Amino acid sequence: MMRLLWIAVLIPLIASGCAAQGDAPAAAVEGYLGALVARDYDRLAGFSCAGWEAQARTEFDSFTAVTTQIEGLQCQQAGVQGEFTEVTCSGKITANYGNEVLEINLADQTYLVRMEGGEWRMCGYR
């Protein structure tokens, strides 16, 4: 009886751990985009691959003079392409340039993520 109780408790815990690991690439992209909009470069760099950091800095700099907001962000793993896990997102970033509002549709990109330094990191998009 005790063994069945342990099995009933452990199976959901193991399954939720596997689901969380499967969502980690998507969470890395969500973290990257959230840090970009929040203008938090340290967090942004933490979600970036080493080879992407210069481009992350360029993206960050392009948002420093505008008011930004992220709406409806939801990302999910979409597949694997070579060394990268592909992530697609829905939602948008709005950037207010004074009298002009630019909407960036997040579904227009496929984000490339890989494990680097023991963490999932955003490495670019196509």
C-alpha atoms as a PDB file:
ATOM      1  CA  MET A   1       0.000   0.000   0.000  1.00  0.00           C
ATOM      2  CA  MET A   2       2.812   2.409   0.900  1.00  0.00           C
ATOM      3  CA  ARG A   3       4.576   1.614  -2.384  1.00  0.00           C
ATOM      4  CA  LEU A   4       1.454   2.580  -4.360  1.00  0.00           C
ATOM      5  CA  LEU A   5       1.236   5.844  -2.450  1.00  0.00           C
ATOM      6  CA  TRP A   6       4.857   6.697  -3.317  1.00  0.00           C
ATOM      7  CA  ILE A   7       4.268   5.839  -6.968  1.00  0.00           C
ATOM      8  CA  ALA A   8       1.160   8.034  -7.017  1.00  0.00           C
ATOM      9  CA  VAL A   9       3.195  10.931  -5.604  1.00  0.00           C
ATOM     10  CA  LEU A  10       6.395  10.460  -7.641  1.00  0.00           C
ATOM     11  CA  ILE A  11       4.960   9.988 -11.142  1.00  0.00           C
ATOM     12  CA  PRO A  12       3.356  13.466 -11.317  1.00  0.00           C
ATOM     13  CA  LEU A  13       6.525  15.046  -9.886  1.00  0.00           C
ATOM     14  CA  ILE A  14       8.731  13.326 -12.456  1.00  0.00           C
ATOM     15  CA  ALA A  15       6.330  14.219 -15.271  1.00  0.00           C
ATOM     16  CA  SER A  16       6.241  17.876 -14.252  1.00  0.00           C
ATOM     17  CA  GLY A  17      10.048  17.959 -14.144  1.00  0.00           C
ATOM     18  CA  CYS A  18      10.208  16.585 -17.670  1.00  0.00           C
ATOM     19  CA  ALA A  19       7.641  19.117 -18.866  1.00  0.00           C
ATOM     20  CA  ALA A  20       9.577  21.948 -17.271  1.00  0.00           C
ATOM     21  CA  GLN A  21      12.786  20.852 -19.025  1.00  0.00           C
ATOM     22  CA  GLY A  22      10.900  20.643 -22.328  1.00  0.00           C
ATOM     23  CA  ASP A  23       9.689  24.220 -21.854  1.00  0.00           C
ATOM     24  CA  ALA A  24      13.165  25.539 -21.027  1.00  0.00           C
ATOM     25  CA  PRO A  25      14.072  26.626 -24.600  1.00  0.00           C
ATOM     26  CA  ALA A  26      10.810  28.582 -24.853  1.00  0.00           C
ATOM     27  CA  ALA A  27      11.401  30.093 -21.405  1.00  0.00           C
ATOM     28  CA  ALA A  28      14.848  31.280 -22.548  1.00  0.00           C
ATOM     29  CA  VAL A  29      13.297  33.179 -25.469  1.00  0.00           C
ATOM     30  CA  GLU A  30      10.571  34.619 -23.233  1.00  0.00           C
ATOM     31  CA  GLY A  31      13.258  35.716 -20.769  1.00  0.00           C
ATOM     32  CA  TYR A  32      15.326  37.288 -23.536  1.00  0.00           C
ATOM     33  CA  LEU A  33      12.380  39.219 -24.969  1.00  0.00           C
ATOM     34  CA  GLY A  34      11.213  40.267 -21.512  1.00  0.00           C
ATOM     35  CA  ALA A  35      14.679  41.575 -20.631  1.00  0.00           C
ATOM     36  CA  LEU A  36      14.851  43.418 -23.956  1.00  0.00           C
ATOM     37  CA  VAL A  37      11.554  45.193 -23.331  1.00  0.00           C
ATOM     38  CA  ALA A  38      12.456  45.899 -19.691  1.00  0.00           C
ATOM     39  CA  ARG A  39      15.785  47.340 -20.875  1.00  0.00           C
ATOM     40  CA  ASP A  40      17.727  45.091 -18.516  1.00  0.00           C
ATOM     41  CA  TYR A  41      20.986  44.405 -20.346  1.00  0.00           C
ATOM     42  CA  ASP A  42      22.472  42.168 -17.655  1.00  0.00           C
ATOM     43  CA  ARG A  43      19.467  39.838 -17.857  1.00  0.00           C
ATOM     44  CA  LEU A  44      19.450  40.070 -21.654  1.00  0.00           C
ATOM     45  CA  ALA A  45      23.108  39.034 -21.824  1.00  0.00           C
ATOM     46  CA  GLY A  46      22.368  36.178 -19.429  1.00  0.00           C
ATOM     47  CA  PHE A  47      19.801  34.778 -21.859  1.00  0.00           C
ATOM     48  CA  SER A  48      22.127  35.211 -24.879  1.00  0.00           C
ATOM     49  CA  CYS A  49      24.650  32.816 -26.402  1.00  0.00           C
ATOM     50  CA  ALA A  50      28.209  34.126 -26.314  1.00  0.00           C
ATOM     51  CA  GLY A  51      28.168  34.442 -30.100  1.00  0.00           C
ATOM     52  CA  TRP A  52      24.936  36.466 -30.001  1.00  0.00           C
ATOM     53  CA  GLU A  53      25.931  39.007 -27.340  1.00  0.00           C
ATOM     54  CA  ALA A  54      27.063  41.690 -29.832  1.00  0.00           C
ATOM     55  CA  GLN A  55      23.727  41.440 -31.678  1.00  0.00           C
ATOM     56  CA  ALA A  56      21.866  41.423 -28.348  1.00  0.00           C
ATOM     57  CA  ARG A  57      23.659  44.687 -27.478  1.00  0.00           C
ATOM     58  CA  THR A  58      22.589  46.186 -30.833  1.00  0.00           C
ATOM     59  CA  GLU A  59      18.966  45.169 -30.220  1.00  0.00           C
ATOM     60  CA  PHE A  60      19.154  46.530 -26.683  1.00  0.00           C
ATOM     61  CA  ASP A  61      20.577  49.861 -27.879  1.00  0.00           C
ATOM     62  CA  SER A  62      17.802  50.221 -30.466  1.00  0.00           C
ATOM     63  CA  PHE A  63      15.185  50.082 -27.683  1.00  0.00           C
ATOM     64  CA  THR A  64      16.801  52.480 -25.193  1.00  0.00           C
ATOM     65  CA  ALA A  65      15.176  55.671 -26.526  1.00  0.00           C
ATOM     66  CA  VAL A  66      11.644  54.281 -26.858  1.00  0.00           C
ATOM     67  CA  THR A  67       8.836  53.176 -24.617  1.00  0.00           C
ATOM     68  CA  THR A  68       8.245  49.465 -25.111  1.00  0.00           C
ATOM     69  CA  GLN A  69       5.611  46.989 -24.084  1.00  0.00           C
ATOM     70  CA  ILE A  70       5.164  43.298 -24.734  1.00  0.00           C
ATOM     71  CA  GLU A  71       1.688  41.880 -25.273  1.00  0.00           C
ATOM     72  CA  GLY A  72       0.424  38.305 -25.445  1.00  0.00           C
ATOM     73  CA  LEU A  73       3.862  36.670 -25.308  1.00  0.00           C
ATOM     74  CA  GLN A  74       3.690  32.888 -25.536  1.00  0.00           C
ATOM     75  CA  CYS A  75       6.547  30.767 -26.849  1.00  0.00           C
ATOM     76  CA  GLN A  76       6.813  27.052 -27.553  1.00  0.00           C
ATOM     77  CA  GLN A  77       9.413  24.673 -28.851  1.00  0.00           C
ATOM     78  CA  ALA A  78       8.863  24.078 -32.569  1.00  0.00           C
ATOM     79  CA  GLY A  79      11.574  21.626 -33.586  1.00  0.00           C
ATOM     80  CA  VAL A  80      15.281  21.031 -33.905  1.00  0.00           C
ATOM     81  CA  GLN A  81      17.533  22.358 -36.657  1.00  0.00           C
ATOM     82  CA  GLY A  82      21.107  21.102 -36.370  1.00  0.00           C
ATOM     83  CA  GLU A  83      22.551  22.226 -33.058  1.00  0.00           C
ATOM     84  CA  PHE A  84      19.634  24.569 -32.338  1.00  0.00           C
ATOM     85  CA  THR A  85      16.212  24.086 -30.828  1.00  0.00           C
ATOM     86  CA  GLU A  86      13.701  26.199 -32.709  1.00  0.00           C
ATOM     87  CA  VAL A  87      11.181  28.248 -30.748  1.00  0.00           C
ATOM     88  CA  THR A  88       8.200  30.122 -32.141  1.00  0.00           C
ATOM     89  CA  CYS A  89       6.270  32.798 -30.303  1.00  0.00           C
ATOM     90  CA  SER A  90       3.032  34.691 -30.530  1.00  0.00           C
ATOM     91  CA  GLY A  91       2.398  38.189 -29.301  1.00  0.00           C
ATOM     92  CA  LYS A  92       3.952  41.508 -30.137  1.00  0.00           C
ATOM     93  CA  ILE A  93       6.280  44.203 -28.931  1.00  0.00           C
ATOM     94  CA  THR A  94       5.051  47.751 -29.297  1.00  0.00           C
ATOM     95  CA  ALA A  95       7.650  50.481 -29.412  1.00  0.00           C
ATOM     96  CA  ASN A  96       6.523  54.073 -29.047  1.00  0.00           C
ATOM     97  CA  TYR A  97       8.811  56.528 -30.831  1.00  0.00           C
ATOM     98  CA  GLY A  98       6.953  59.672 -29.742  1.00  0.00           C
ATOM     99  CA  ASN A  99       4.243  60.129 -32.372  1.00  0.00           C
ATOM    100  CA  GLU A 100       4.959  56.816 -34.068  1.00  0.00           C
ATOM    101  CA  VAL A 101       4.131  53.356 -32.739  1.00  0.00           C
ATOM    102  CA  LEU A 102       5.922  50.367 -34.219  1.00  0.00           C
ATOM    103  CA  GLU A 103       4.448  46.891 -33.685  1.00  0.00           C
ATOM    104  CA  ILE A 104       6.828  43.956 -33.946  1.00  0.00           C
ATOM    105  CA  ASN A 105       4.974  40.699 -34.560  1.00  0.00           C
ATOM    106  CA  LEU A 106       6.874  38.012 -32.644  1.00  0.00           C
ATOM    107  CA  ALA A 107       5.418  35.290 -34.877  1.00  0.00           C
ATOM    108  CA  ASP A 108       7.538  36.623 -37.764  1.00  0.00           C
ATOM    109  CA  GLN A 109      10.708  35.060 -36.298  1.00  0.00           C
ATOM    110  CA  THR A 110      11.839  31.557 -35.489  1.00  0.00           C
ATOM    111  CA  TYR A 111      14.192  31.845 -32.536  1.00  0.00           C
ATOM    112  CA  LEU A 112      17.277  29.621 -32.313  1.00  0.00           C
ATOM    113  CA  VAL A 113      18.164  28.348 -28.851  1.00  0.00           C
ATOM    114  CA  ARG A 114      20.847  25.978 -27.600  1.00  0.00           C
ATOM    115  CA  MET A 115      22.314  24.707 -24.371  1.00  0.00           C
ATOM    116  CA  GLU A 116      25.427  26.710 -23.515  1.00  0.00           C
ATOM    117  CA  GLY A 117      27.189  26.786 -20.171  1.00  0.00           C
ATOM    118  CA  GLY A 118      24.503  24.518 -18.690  1.00  0.00           C
ATOM    119  CA  GLU A 119      21.696  26.975 -19.577  1.00  0.00           C
ATOM    120  CA  TRP A 120      19.350  27.395 -22.522  1.00  0.00           C
ATOM    121  CA  ARG A 121      20.304  30.575 -24.371  1.00  0.00           C
ATOM    122  CA  MET A 122      18.902  32.561 -27.270  1.00  0.00           C
ATOM    123  CA  CYS A 123      21.375  32.484 -30.179  1.00  0.00           C
ATOM    124  CA  GLY A 124      19.542  34.337 -32.929  1.00  0.00           C
ATOM    125  CA  TYR A 125      16.596  33.945 -35.228  1.00  0.00           C
ATOM    126  CA  ARG A 126      15.644  33.432 -38.801  1.00  0.00           C
END
